[in-house]
N, C-alpha and C. Protein backbone atom coordinates (compact mmCIF):
# COMPACT_ATOMS: atom_id res chain seq x y z
N MET A 1 -2.37 15.62 -15.01
CA MET A 1 -3.27 15.52 -13.88
C MET A 1 -2.88 14.33 -13.01
N ILE A 2 -2.87 14.53 -11.74
CA ILE A 2 -2.56 13.47 -10.79
C ILE A 2 -3.74 13.38 -9.83
N THR A 3 -4.20 12.17 -9.54
CA THR A 3 -5.32 12.02 -8.63
C THR A 3 -4.87 12.33 -7.20
N GLN A 4 -5.78 12.18 -6.27
CA GLN A 4 -5.48 12.44 -4.87
C GLN A 4 -4.39 11.53 -4.32
N THR A 5 -3.85 10.62 -5.11
CA THR A 5 -2.72 9.80 -4.68
C THR A 5 -1.55 10.69 -4.26
N LEU A 6 -1.46 11.87 -4.84
CA LEU A 6 -0.37 12.79 -4.52
C LEU A 6 -0.36 13.16 -3.04
N ILE A 7 -1.51 13.41 -2.46
CA ILE A 7 -1.57 13.87 -1.07
C ILE A 7 -1.10 12.78 -0.10
N PRO A 8 -1.58 11.52 -0.19
CA PRO A 8 -1.01 10.49 0.69
C PRO A 8 0.48 10.27 0.45
N ALA A 9 0.92 10.36 -0.80
CA ALA A 9 2.35 10.18 -1.10
C ALA A 9 3.17 11.30 -0.45
N LEU A 10 2.68 12.53 -0.53
CA LEU A 10 3.38 13.64 0.14
C LEU A 10 3.37 13.47 1.65
N SER A 11 2.26 12.99 2.21
CA SER A 11 2.19 12.73 3.65
C SER A 11 3.23 11.69 4.04
N PHE A 12 3.38 10.69 3.19
CA PHE A 12 4.34 9.62 3.47
C PHE A 12 5.78 10.14 3.50
N VAL A 13 6.19 10.95 2.53
CA VAL A 13 7.59 11.38 2.48
C VAL A 13 7.89 12.58 3.38
N SER A 14 6.88 13.37 3.73
CA SER A 14 7.14 14.62 4.45
C SER A 14 7.76 14.42 5.82
N HIS A 15 7.50 13.28 6.47
CA HIS A 15 8.04 13.08 7.82
C HIS A 15 9.57 13.01 7.84
N ALA A 16 10.20 12.69 6.72
CA ALA A 16 11.65 12.53 6.70
C ALA A 16 12.39 13.80 6.26
N ALA A 17 11.66 14.86 5.92
CA ALA A 17 12.31 16.09 5.48
C ALA A 17 12.83 16.90 6.66
N ALA A 18 13.96 17.54 6.45
CA ALA A 18 14.48 18.45 7.47
C ALA A 18 13.62 19.72 7.48
N THR A 19 13.66 20.45 8.60
CA THR A 19 12.89 21.69 8.68
C THR A 19 13.77 22.91 8.91
N LYS A 20 14.91 22.72 9.53
CA LYS A 20 15.79 23.86 9.82
C LYS A 20 17.25 23.52 9.55
N ASP A 21 17.51 22.81 8.49
CA ASP A 21 18.87 22.40 8.16
C ASP A 21 19.58 23.53 7.43
N ILE A 22 20.87 23.69 7.68
CA ILE A 22 21.66 24.71 7.00
C ILE A 22 21.76 24.41 5.50
N ARG A 23 21.61 23.13 5.14
CA ARG A 23 21.60 22.72 3.73
C ARG A 23 20.16 22.89 3.23
N ASP A 24 19.89 24.01 2.60
CA ASP A 24 18.53 24.37 2.20
C ASP A 24 17.81 23.28 1.42
N TYR A 25 18.51 22.57 0.55
CA TYR A 25 17.88 21.56 -0.28
C TYR A 25 17.27 20.42 0.53
N LEU A 26 17.71 20.21 1.78
CA LEU A 26 17.11 19.17 2.63
C LEU A 26 15.83 19.66 3.31
N ASN A 27 15.56 20.95 3.26
CA ASN A 27 14.35 21.52 3.87
C ASN A 27 13.18 21.47 2.90
N GLY A 28 13.15 20.46 2.06
CA GLY A 28 12.08 20.34 1.09
C GLY A 28 11.91 18.91 0.61
N VAL A 29 10.94 18.73 -0.27
CA VAL A 29 10.67 17.43 -0.87
C VAL A 29 11.08 17.51 -2.34
N LEU A 30 11.87 16.55 -2.77
CA LEU A 30 12.29 16.49 -4.16
C LEU A 30 11.18 15.89 -5.01
N PHE A 31 10.76 16.61 -6.04
CA PHE A 31 9.86 16.09 -7.06
C PHE A 31 10.76 15.74 -8.23
N GLU A 32 10.99 14.46 -8.45
CA GLU A 32 11.88 14.03 -9.53
C GLU A 32 11.04 13.46 -10.66
N VAL A 33 11.17 14.07 -11.84
CA VAL A 33 10.39 13.66 -12.99
C VAL A 33 11.35 13.14 -14.06
N GLU A 34 11.24 11.85 -14.38
CA GLU A 34 12.08 11.26 -15.42
C GLU A 34 11.29 11.00 -16.69
N SER A 35 9.97 10.84 -16.55
CA SER A 35 9.12 10.60 -17.72
C SER A 35 7.74 11.19 -17.44
N GLN A 36 6.88 11.18 -18.46
CA GLN A 36 5.54 11.77 -18.33
C GLN A 36 4.55 10.86 -17.59
N ASP A 37 4.99 9.69 -17.17
CA ASP A 37 4.08 8.80 -16.45
C ASP A 37 4.63 8.37 -15.09
N SER A 38 5.64 9.06 -14.59
CA SER A 38 6.23 8.69 -13.31
C SER A 38 6.69 9.94 -12.57
N LEU A 39 6.33 10.01 -11.30
CA LEU A 39 6.74 11.11 -10.42
C LEU A 39 7.29 10.49 -9.15
N THR A 40 8.54 10.80 -8.82
CA THR A 40 9.17 10.28 -7.61
C THR A 40 9.31 11.41 -6.61
N LEU A 41 8.86 11.16 -5.38
CA LEU A 41 8.96 12.12 -4.28
C LEU A 41 10.00 11.60 -3.30
N VAL A 42 10.93 12.46 -2.88
CA VAL A 42 12.01 12.05 -1.98
C VAL A 42 12.21 13.13 -0.94
N SER A 43 12.42 12.72 0.31
CA SER A 43 12.83 13.66 1.35
C SER A 43 13.87 12.99 2.23
N CYS A 44 14.75 13.82 2.80
CA CYS A 44 15.85 13.30 3.61
C CYS A 44 16.28 14.38 4.60
N ASP A 45 16.62 13.97 5.80
CA ASP A 45 17.13 14.94 6.77
C ASP A 45 18.56 14.63 7.20
N GLY A 46 19.22 13.72 6.51
CA GLY A 46 20.59 13.35 6.86
C GLY A 46 20.66 12.10 7.71
N HIS A 47 19.54 11.70 8.32
CA HIS A 47 19.49 10.49 9.14
C HIS A 47 18.52 9.45 8.60
N ARG A 48 17.57 9.89 7.81
CA ARG A 48 16.57 9.00 7.23
C ARG A 48 16.14 9.56 5.88
N LEU A 49 15.60 8.70 5.08
CA LEU A 49 15.17 9.09 3.74
C LEU A 49 13.86 8.39 3.45
N ALA A 50 12.94 9.08 2.80
CA ALA A 50 11.68 8.48 2.38
C ALA A 50 11.52 8.71 0.88
N LYS A 51 11.06 7.67 0.18
CA LYS A 51 10.88 7.78 -1.27
C LYS A 51 9.57 7.11 -1.64
N CYS A 52 8.84 7.74 -2.55
CA CYS A 52 7.57 7.20 -3.03
C CYS A 52 7.46 7.53 -4.51
N THR A 53 7.14 6.53 -5.33
CA THR A 53 7.02 6.73 -6.76
C THR A 53 5.56 6.54 -7.17
N ILE A 54 5.02 7.54 -7.86
CA ILE A 54 3.65 7.50 -8.35
C ILE A 54 3.72 7.25 -9.86
N THR A 55 3.00 6.25 -10.32
CA THR A 55 2.96 5.99 -11.76
C THR A 55 1.62 6.45 -12.29
N GLN A 56 1.65 7.60 -12.93
CA GLN A 56 0.44 8.21 -13.45
C GLN A 56 0.85 9.33 -14.38
N GLU A 57 0.07 9.58 -15.41
CA GLU A 57 0.41 10.65 -16.34
C GLU A 57 0.30 12.01 -15.69
N HIS A 58 1.22 12.90 -16.05
CA HIS A 58 1.23 14.27 -15.57
C HIS A 58 1.85 15.14 -16.65
N ALA A 59 1.87 16.43 -16.42
CA ALA A 59 2.35 17.36 -17.45
C ALA A 59 3.62 18.09 -17.04
N ILE A 60 4.32 17.61 -16.02
CA ILE A 60 5.52 18.29 -15.55
C ILE A 60 6.68 17.92 -16.46
N ASP A 61 7.49 18.91 -16.82
CA ASP A 61 8.67 18.65 -17.63
C ASP A 61 9.68 17.84 -16.83
N PRO A 62 10.43 16.95 -17.48
CA PRO A 62 11.46 16.19 -16.77
C PRO A 62 12.45 17.11 -16.06
N GLY A 63 12.85 16.71 -14.88
CA GLY A 63 13.80 17.49 -14.09
C GLY A 63 13.61 17.21 -12.61
N GLN A 64 14.34 17.97 -11.80
CA GLN A 64 14.24 17.86 -10.35
C GLN A 64 13.77 19.20 -9.80
N TYR A 65 12.76 19.15 -8.94
CA TYR A 65 12.18 20.34 -8.33
C TYR A 65 12.14 20.12 -6.83
N ILE A 66 12.73 21.04 -6.07
CA ILE A 66 12.72 20.91 -4.60
C ILE A 66 11.68 21.87 -4.05
N VAL A 67 10.62 21.30 -3.47
CA VAL A 67 9.49 22.08 -2.95
C VAL A 67 9.68 22.24 -1.43
N PRO A 68 9.62 23.47 -0.91
CA PRO A 68 9.81 23.70 0.53
C PRO A 68 8.85 22.86 1.38
N ILE A 69 9.36 22.31 2.48
CA ILE A 69 8.57 21.42 3.33
C ILE A 69 7.37 22.13 3.93
N GLN A 70 7.50 23.41 4.27
CA GLN A 70 6.35 24.12 4.83
C GLN A 70 5.22 24.21 3.82
N PHE A 71 5.56 24.42 2.54
CA PHE A 71 4.56 24.46 1.50
C PHE A 71 3.93 23.08 1.31
N VAL A 72 4.74 22.03 1.38
CA VAL A 72 4.23 20.66 1.26
C VAL A 72 3.21 20.38 2.36
N LYS A 73 3.51 20.80 3.57
CA LYS A 73 2.57 20.59 4.68
C LYS A 73 1.26 21.36 4.45
N GLU A 74 1.36 22.56 3.88
CA GLU A 74 0.15 23.32 3.55
C GLU A 74 -0.65 22.62 2.45
N LEU A 75 0.05 22.07 1.45
CA LEU A 75 -0.63 21.31 0.38
C LEU A 75 -1.41 20.14 0.97
N ILE A 76 -0.76 19.41 1.86
CA ILE A 76 -1.40 18.24 2.48
C ILE A 76 -2.66 18.68 3.22
N ARG A 77 -2.54 19.76 3.98
CA ARG A 77 -3.69 20.26 4.75
C ARG A 77 -4.80 20.78 3.84
N ASP A 78 -4.44 21.58 2.85
CA ASP A 78 -5.45 22.25 2.02
C ASP A 78 -6.07 21.36 0.95
N PHE A 79 -5.32 20.39 0.43
CA PHE A 79 -5.82 19.56 -0.66
C PHE A 79 -6.30 18.19 -0.20
N LYS A 80 -6.21 17.91 1.09
CA LYS A 80 -6.67 16.63 1.61
C LYS A 80 -8.19 16.53 1.42
N PRO A 81 -8.67 15.43 0.82
CA PRO A 81 -10.12 15.34 0.59
C PRO A 81 -10.88 15.24 1.90
N LYS A 82 -12.02 15.90 1.94
CA LYS A 82 -12.90 15.84 3.12
C LYS A 82 -13.65 14.50 3.12
N ALA A 83 -14.27 14.19 4.23
CA ALA A 83 -15.05 12.95 4.35
C ALA A 83 -16.10 12.89 3.25
N ARG A 84 -16.24 11.74 2.64
CA ARG A 84 -17.21 11.46 1.58
C ARG A 84 -17.01 12.31 0.33
N GLN A 85 -15.85 12.89 0.18
CA GLN A 85 -15.56 13.68 -1.02
C GLN A 85 -14.85 12.78 -2.03
N THR A 86 -15.20 12.90 -3.28
CA THR A 86 -14.55 12.11 -4.31
C THR A 86 -13.18 12.69 -4.64
N ASP A 87 -12.32 11.84 -5.18
CA ASP A 87 -11.00 12.31 -5.57
C ASP A 87 -11.11 13.34 -6.67
N THR A 88 -10.41 14.46 -6.48
CA THR A 88 -10.37 15.50 -7.48
C THR A 88 -8.95 15.54 -8.04
N PRO A 89 -8.80 15.43 -9.36
CA PRO A 89 -7.45 15.46 -9.92
C PRO A 89 -6.73 16.76 -9.58
N ILE A 90 -5.44 16.66 -9.34
CA ILE A 90 -4.61 17.82 -9.05
C ILE A 90 -3.71 18.05 -10.26
N SER A 91 -3.73 19.25 -10.76
CA SER A 91 -2.88 19.63 -11.89
C SER A 91 -1.61 20.27 -11.34
N ILE A 92 -0.46 19.86 -11.87
CA ILE A 92 0.82 20.44 -11.47
C ILE A 92 1.47 21.02 -12.72
N THR A 93 1.83 22.30 -12.66
CA THR A 93 2.51 22.93 -13.79
C THR A 93 3.75 23.66 -13.30
N TRP A 94 4.70 23.84 -14.20
CA TRP A 94 5.98 24.47 -13.91
C TRP A 94 6.10 25.75 -14.73
N ASN A 95 6.51 26.85 -14.07
CA ASN A 95 6.65 28.11 -14.79
C ASN A 95 7.61 29.02 -14.03
N ASP A 96 8.71 29.40 -14.65
CA ASP A 96 9.66 30.35 -14.06
C ASP A 96 10.05 30.03 -12.62
N ASN A 97 10.60 28.86 -12.39
CA ASN A 97 11.06 28.40 -11.07
C ASN A 97 9.92 28.31 -10.05
N GLN A 98 8.70 28.16 -10.51
CA GLN A 98 7.56 28.00 -9.61
C GLN A 98 6.75 26.78 -10.00
N LEU A 99 6.31 26.02 -9.02
CA LEU A 99 5.37 24.93 -9.25
C LEU A 99 3.99 25.41 -8.84
N HIS A 100 3.00 25.11 -9.67
CA HIS A 100 1.62 25.51 -9.41
C HIS A 100 0.79 24.24 -9.26
N PHE A 101 0.02 24.16 -8.19
CA PHE A 101 -0.85 23.03 -7.90
C PHE A 101 -2.28 23.55 -7.91
N SER A 102 -3.18 22.86 -8.60
CA SER A 102 -4.57 23.30 -8.60
C SER A 102 -5.50 22.13 -8.85
N ASN A 103 -6.71 22.27 -8.32
CA ASN A 103 -7.80 21.34 -8.63
C ASN A 103 -9.04 22.19 -8.86
N ALA A 104 -10.20 21.58 -8.87
CA ALA A 104 -11.43 22.30 -9.19
C ALA A 104 -11.76 23.41 -8.20
N SER A 105 -11.30 23.29 -6.95
CA SER A 105 -11.73 24.26 -5.94
C SER A 105 -10.62 25.12 -5.33
N ARG A 106 -9.35 24.80 -5.57
CA ARG A 106 -8.28 25.59 -4.96
C ARG A 106 -7.01 25.52 -5.80
N SER A 107 -6.11 26.46 -5.51
CA SER A 107 -4.82 26.46 -6.18
C SER A 107 -3.77 27.03 -5.24
N ALA A 108 -2.51 26.66 -5.49
CA ALA A 108 -1.40 27.14 -4.68
C ALA A 108 -0.14 27.10 -5.53
N SER A 109 0.78 28.03 -5.25
CA SER A 109 2.04 28.10 -5.98
C SER A 109 3.18 28.30 -5.00
N THR A 110 4.37 27.84 -5.39
CA THR A 110 5.55 28.05 -4.57
C THR A 110 6.78 28.16 -5.44
N ALA A 111 7.74 28.94 -4.97
CA ALA A 111 9.05 28.97 -5.61
C ALA A 111 9.81 27.73 -5.14
N CYS A 112 10.55 27.14 -6.02
CA CYS A 112 11.34 25.96 -5.66
C CYS A 112 12.63 26.39 -4.98
N ILE A 113 13.17 25.51 -4.16
CA ILE A 113 14.44 25.77 -3.49
C ILE A 113 15.56 25.60 -4.50
N ASP A 114 16.46 26.59 -4.54
CA ASP A 114 17.62 26.49 -5.42
C ASP A 114 18.60 25.48 -4.84
N GLY A 115 19.29 24.80 -5.71
CA GLY A 115 20.30 23.84 -5.28
C GLY A 115 20.09 22.50 -5.91
N LYS A 116 21.07 21.65 -5.75
CA LYS A 116 21.01 20.30 -6.30
C LYS A 116 20.76 19.33 -5.15
N TYR A 117 19.75 18.50 -5.31
CA TYR A 117 19.44 17.51 -4.28
C TYR A 117 20.53 16.44 -4.29
N PRO A 118 20.91 15.93 -3.12
CA PRO A 118 21.96 14.90 -3.06
C PRO A 118 21.55 13.64 -3.84
N ASP A 119 22.53 12.87 -4.25
CA ASP A 119 22.28 11.61 -4.96
C ASP A 119 21.77 10.58 -3.96
N TYR A 120 20.46 10.60 -3.72
CA TYR A 120 19.84 9.74 -2.72
C TYR A 120 19.95 8.27 -3.08
N GLN A 121 20.10 7.94 -4.35
CA GLN A 121 20.18 6.53 -4.78
C GLN A 121 21.38 5.82 -4.15
N ARG A 122 22.42 6.57 -3.83
CA ARG A 122 23.64 5.96 -3.28
C ARG A 122 23.43 5.33 -1.90
N ILE A 123 22.48 5.82 -1.13
CA ILE A 123 22.31 5.26 0.23
C ILE A 123 21.18 4.24 0.34
N ILE A 124 20.49 4.00 -0.76
CA ILE A 124 19.41 3.02 -0.73
C ILE A 124 20.01 1.62 -0.87
N PRO A 125 19.78 0.75 0.11
CA PRO A 125 20.35 -0.61 0.03
C PRO A 125 19.82 -1.35 -1.20
N THR A 126 20.72 -2.00 -1.92
CA THR A 126 20.32 -2.76 -3.09
C THR A 126 20.73 -4.22 -3.02
N ASP A 127 21.72 -4.54 -2.22
CA ASP A 127 22.21 -5.91 -2.13
C ASP A 127 21.36 -6.73 -1.18
N GLU A 128 21.66 -8.00 -1.12
CA GLU A 128 20.99 -8.87 -0.16
C GLU A 128 21.30 -8.39 1.26
N PRO A 129 20.35 -8.55 2.17
CA PRO A 129 20.57 -8.10 3.55
C PRO A 129 21.74 -8.81 4.22
N VAL A 130 22.48 -8.06 5.03
CA VAL A 130 23.54 -8.63 5.84
C VAL A 130 23.00 -8.69 7.26
N LEU A 131 22.94 -9.87 7.84
CA LEU A 131 22.36 -10.02 9.17
C LEU A 131 23.34 -9.57 10.23
N GLY A 132 22.82 -9.06 11.33
CA GLY A 132 23.63 -8.63 12.44
C GLY A 132 22.79 -7.85 13.41
N ALA A 133 23.34 -7.55 14.57
CA ALA A 133 22.62 -6.79 15.58
C ALA A 133 22.66 -5.31 15.21
N ILE A 134 21.48 -4.72 15.06
CA ILE A 134 21.40 -3.31 14.72
C ILE A 134 20.38 -2.63 15.62
N GLY A 135 20.48 -1.35 15.75
CA GLY A 135 19.52 -0.57 16.51
C GLY A 135 19.09 0.63 15.69
N PHE A 136 17.89 1.13 15.98
CA PHE A 136 17.38 2.28 15.26
C PHE A 136 16.79 3.27 16.24
N ASN A 137 16.73 4.50 15.83
CA ASN A 137 16.03 5.52 16.59
C ASN A 137 14.55 5.12 16.58
N ALA A 138 13.99 4.83 17.74
CA ALA A 138 12.62 4.34 17.83
C ALA A 138 11.62 5.34 17.24
N LEU A 139 11.87 6.62 17.38
CA LEU A 139 10.97 7.64 16.83
C LEU A 139 10.92 7.54 15.30
N PHE A 140 12.07 7.29 14.65
CA PHE A 140 12.09 7.16 13.20
C PHE A 140 11.27 5.96 12.76
N LEU A 141 11.39 4.84 13.48
CA LEU A 141 10.61 3.65 13.13
C LEU A 141 9.12 3.90 13.33
N GLU A 142 8.76 4.57 14.42
CA GLU A 142 7.35 4.88 14.68
C GLU A 142 6.78 5.78 13.58
N GLN A 143 7.54 6.80 13.20
CA GLN A 143 7.07 7.71 12.15
C GLN A 143 6.95 6.99 10.82
N ALA A 144 7.84 6.05 10.53
CA ALA A 144 7.75 5.27 9.28
C ALA A 144 6.46 4.44 9.29
N GLY A 145 6.13 3.86 10.43
CA GLY A 145 4.90 3.09 10.54
C GLY A 145 3.66 3.95 10.34
N LYS A 146 3.65 5.13 10.94
CA LYS A 146 2.51 6.05 10.78
C LYS A 146 2.40 6.52 9.33
N ALA A 147 3.54 6.80 8.72
CA ALA A 147 3.53 7.24 7.32
C ALA A 147 3.04 6.12 6.41
N ALA A 148 3.40 4.89 6.71
CA ALA A 148 2.97 3.75 5.89
C ALA A 148 1.46 3.61 5.92
N LYS A 149 0.86 3.88 7.06
CA LYS A 149 -0.58 3.74 7.20
C LYS A 149 -1.34 4.66 6.25
N VAL A 150 -0.75 5.82 5.92
CA VAL A 150 -1.40 6.80 5.06
C VAL A 150 -1.52 6.30 3.62
N ILE A 151 -0.57 5.50 3.16
CA ILE A 151 -0.58 5.11 1.75
C ILE A 151 -0.86 3.63 1.52
N THR A 152 -1.28 2.91 2.55
CA THR A 152 -1.59 1.51 2.35
C THR A 152 -3.10 1.31 2.21
N ALA A 153 -3.46 0.28 1.48
CA ALA A 153 -4.87 0.01 1.22
C ALA A 153 -5.62 -0.23 2.53
N ASP A 154 -6.72 0.46 2.72
CA ASP A 154 -7.57 0.32 3.90
C ASP A 154 -6.81 0.54 5.21
N GLY A 155 -5.73 1.33 5.18
CA GLY A 155 -4.98 1.61 6.39
C GLY A 155 -4.22 0.42 6.92
N TYR A 156 -4.12 -0.66 6.15
CA TYR A 156 -3.38 -1.83 6.59
C TYR A 156 -1.91 -1.47 6.65
N ASN A 157 -1.35 -1.49 7.82
CA ASN A 157 0.00 -1.00 8.06
C ASN A 157 1.01 -2.12 7.88
N ALA A 158 1.40 -2.41 6.65
CA ALA A 158 2.32 -3.50 6.37
C ALA A 158 3.68 -2.95 5.97
N ILE A 159 4.68 -3.20 6.80
CA ILE A 159 6.03 -2.79 6.47
C ILE A 159 6.96 -3.98 6.63
N ARG A 160 8.07 -3.94 5.90
CA ARG A 160 9.07 -4.99 5.99
C ARG A 160 10.42 -4.30 6.21
N LEU A 161 11.13 -4.70 7.26
CA LEU A 161 12.44 -4.13 7.57
C LEU A 161 13.51 -5.02 6.96
N ILE A 162 14.36 -4.42 6.14
CA ILE A 162 15.47 -5.15 5.52
C ILE A 162 16.74 -4.54 6.09
N GLY A 163 17.34 -5.21 7.06
CA GLY A 163 18.53 -4.71 7.74
C GLY A 163 19.80 -5.09 7.00
N ARG A 164 20.80 -4.21 7.07
CA ARG A 164 22.08 -4.48 6.43
C ARG A 164 23.20 -4.23 7.42
N GLY A 165 23.07 -4.70 8.63
CA GLY A 165 24.12 -4.49 9.61
C GLY A 165 24.26 -3.02 9.95
N LEU A 166 25.50 -2.53 9.91
CA LEU A 166 25.75 -1.14 10.28
C LEU A 166 25.60 -0.19 9.10
N GLU A 167 25.11 -0.69 7.96
CA GLU A 167 24.83 0.19 6.84
C GLU A 167 23.36 0.62 6.92
N SER A 168 22.94 1.46 6.00
CA SER A 168 21.55 1.91 6.01
C SER A 168 20.62 0.72 5.80
N SER A 169 19.43 0.81 6.37
CA SER A 169 18.45 -0.27 6.26
C SER A 169 17.18 0.27 5.63
N LEU A 170 16.47 -0.62 4.98
CA LEU A 170 15.30 -0.25 4.20
C LEU A 170 14.03 -0.70 4.91
N ILE A 171 13.05 0.20 5.00
CA ILE A 171 11.73 -0.15 5.48
C ILE A 171 10.82 -0.04 4.27
N GLU A 172 10.38 -1.18 3.76
CA GLU A 172 9.58 -1.21 2.54
C GLU A 172 8.10 -1.28 2.89
N ILE A 173 7.28 -0.51 2.16
CA ILE A 173 5.84 -0.54 2.35
C ILE A 173 5.31 -1.66 1.47
N VAL A 174 4.65 -2.65 2.06
CA VAL A 174 4.29 -3.87 1.36
C VAL A 174 3.05 -3.73 0.49
N ASN A 175 2.03 -3.00 0.91
CA ASN A 175 0.76 -2.99 0.21
C ASN A 175 0.29 -1.57 -0.08
N PRO A 176 1.02 -0.79 -0.95
CA PRO A 176 0.59 0.59 -1.18
C PRO A 176 -0.69 0.66 -2.01
N ILE A 177 -1.38 1.79 -1.90
CA ILE A 177 -2.60 2.01 -2.67
C ILE A 177 -2.27 2.11 -4.16
N SER A 178 -3.30 2.02 -5.00
CA SER A 178 -3.08 2.07 -6.44
C SER A 178 -2.41 3.37 -6.84
N ASP A 179 -1.73 3.36 -7.95
CA ASP A 179 -0.98 4.47 -8.53
C ASP A 179 0.34 4.72 -7.83
N ILE A 180 0.60 4.11 -6.70
CA ILE A 180 1.91 4.24 -6.05
C ILE A 180 2.68 2.97 -6.37
N GLU A 181 3.71 3.15 -7.18
CA GLU A 181 4.49 2.01 -7.63
C GLU A 181 5.32 1.41 -6.50
N SER A 182 5.99 2.27 -5.75
CA SER A 182 6.81 1.79 -4.65
C SER A 182 6.94 2.89 -3.62
N ALA A 183 7.17 2.49 -2.38
CA ALA A 183 7.36 3.44 -1.30
C ALA A 183 8.24 2.78 -0.24
N PHE A 184 9.21 3.52 0.25
CA PHE A 184 10.05 3.00 1.31
C PHE A 184 10.73 4.12 2.06
N VAL A 185 11.25 3.78 3.22
CA VAL A 185 12.01 4.70 4.06
C VAL A 185 13.36 4.06 4.29
N VAL A 186 14.41 4.86 4.25
CA VAL A 186 15.75 4.38 4.58
C VAL A 186 16.13 5.03 5.90
N VAL A 187 16.57 4.22 6.86
CA VAL A 187 17.00 4.76 8.15
C VAL A 187 18.45 4.35 8.39
N MET A 188 19.17 5.22 9.06
CA MET A 188 20.55 4.94 9.40
C MET A 188 20.57 4.28 10.77
N PRO A 189 21.14 3.08 10.87
CA PRO A 189 21.17 2.39 12.16
C PRO A 189 22.20 3.01 13.11
N VAL A 190 22.05 2.69 14.37
CA VAL A 190 23.02 3.09 15.37
C VAL A 190 23.75 1.84 15.82
N LYS A 191 25.00 1.97 16.16
CA LYS A 191 25.81 0.83 16.58
C LYS A 191 25.44 0.44 18.01
N LEU A 192 25.16 -0.83 18.20
CA LEU A 192 24.86 -1.33 19.54
C LEU A 192 26.16 -1.79 20.18
N SER A 193 26.36 -1.42 21.44
CA SER A 193 27.59 -1.87 22.09
C SER A 193 27.40 -3.14 22.86
């Protein structure tokens, strides 16, 4: 069972997913399960990447599951708590290439996208920042800020930009809500002339 933390986390990563890419695996959100108490959500469109890790017990078998982005958007819409509604745990189960999501009042299922998700860890900056003049697509930065607002405590929009020159740069969410271990967006800079 996962609390309503799943919905803000999905809202956070969904903005970076492709919608009409020829590479089908980018048209979805990766649900990466390494243990029974951690769920990592990742999306990428080839220019930016969003990752959010939820630390909470669940019943999904370890593995990688790519959920179509259109289904993710429906989940966000349908499972988003209404005003003054208490958090209702969401159950996620896996069965015959299908993920099933349910809570006390609704349920939904989807077939997962076939394919192997790219090794997203390779583009996440890990070294100390390299200073230099960099530029970014302003729309990507704006969307990262809006996405951060969804998963930060009391809507406090705290982000930190860690630039690495002409390599990918990290936008880290500073104050995520409980149960979200970490959240960040990776954006590819553009060369300034």
